[in-house]
Protein backbone atom coordinates (compact mmCIF):
# COMPACT_ATOMS: atom_id res chain seq x y z
CA MET A 1 50.69 205.83 66.07
CA GLU A 2 52.61 202.66 66.86
CA GLU A 3 55.39 204.68 68.54
CA LEU A 4 52.82 206.46 70.71
CA MET A 5 51.17 203.19 71.71
CA ASN A 6 54.57 201.79 72.71
CA ILE A 7 55.22 204.83 74.90
CA LEU A 8 51.80 204.61 76.55
CA GLU A 9 51.99 200.87 77.17
CA GLU A 10 55.46 201.22 78.67
CA ILE A 11 54.33 203.92 81.10
CA CYS A 12 50.93 202.37 81.95
CA PRO A 13 50.88 198.69 80.99
CA ASP A 14 47.52 198.04 82.69
CA VAL A 15 45.51 200.60 80.70
CA ASP A 16 43.58 199.69 77.53
CA PHE A 17 44.75 202.56 75.34
CA GLU A 18 43.11 201.16 72.22
CA ASN A 19 39.59 201.46 73.64
CA GLU A 20 39.66 203.95 76.51
CA GLU A 21 38.23 207.40 75.73
CA ALA A 22 38.38 209.08 79.17
CA LEU A 23 41.89 208.48 80.45
CA VAL A 24 42.04 211.75 82.36
CA ASP A 25 38.35 212.18 83.15
CA ASP A 26 38.16 208.67 84.66
CA LYS A 27 41.49 209.20 86.49
CA LEU A 28 43.18 206.28 84.73
CA LEU A 29 46.33 208.39 84.36
CA SER A 30 48.04 210.02 87.33
CA SER A 31 49.62 213.45 87.02
CA PHE A 32 53.06 211.79 87.18
CA GLU A 33 52.12 209.47 84.30
CA ILE A 34 50.88 212.42 82.24
CA ILE A 35 54.16 214.26 82.82
CA SER A 36 56.06 211.13 81.79
CA ILE A 37 53.93 210.82 78.64
CA ILE A 38 54.56 214.49 77.78
CA ALA A 39 58.33 214.04 78.19
CA GLU A 40 58.38 210.87 76.07
CA ILE A 41 56.20 212.43 73.35
CA SER A 42 58.48 215.47 73.23
CA ASP A 43 61.59 213.30 72.89
CA GLU A 44 60.16 210.76 70.45
CA PHE A 45 58.41 213.17 68.10
CA GLY A 46 60.63 216.25 68.44
CA ILE A 47 57.83 218.56 69.56
CA THR A 48 57.34 220.96 72.45
CA LEU A 49 53.99 221.03 74.19
CA SER A 50 52.99 224.48 75.37
CA PRO A 51 50.92 224.84 78.56
CA ALA A 52 47.91 225.53 76.30
CA GLU A 53 48.25 221.98 74.88
CA ILE A 54 48.36 220.30 78.29
CA ILE A 55 44.63 220.01 78.81
CA PRO A 56 42.54 216.93 79.65
CA ASP A 57 40.91 216.88 76.21
CA ASN A 58 44.28 216.25 74.53
CA PHE A 59 45.07 213.30 76.83
CA ASN A 60 41.72 211.52 77.21
CA SER A 61 42.57 208.93 74.55
CA ALA A 62 45.50 207.69 72.52
CA GLN A 63 43.77 209.00 69.39
CA ARG A 64 43.50 212.51 70.83
CA MET A 65 47.17 212.42 71.82
CA TRP A 66 48.02 211.29 68.29
CA ASP A 67 45.90 214.08 66.79
CA MET A 68 47.76 216.61 68.97
CA ILE A 69 51.14 215.21 67.91
CA GLN A 70 50.18 215.40 64.24
CA ARG A 71 48.93 218.98 64.67
CA LEU A 72 52.13 220.07 66.44
CA GLN A 73 54.35 218.42 63.85
CA GLY A 74 52.24 220.08 61.14
């Protein structure tokens, strides 16, 4: 999880990823930032996100992103 938090804080330093639960729904992440997060997650964790995984629910919080990463590494 620490690696993910580092990625998120590097891309969006002004967002409180530890407490925010509606990153996409509240428009705290732009589409460009989401694409950057996807690219960094893919590189860092060696996973490929299919279009079916790229849904708001998977990106609304750091915990949900982490759950997705764990599931895809499974």
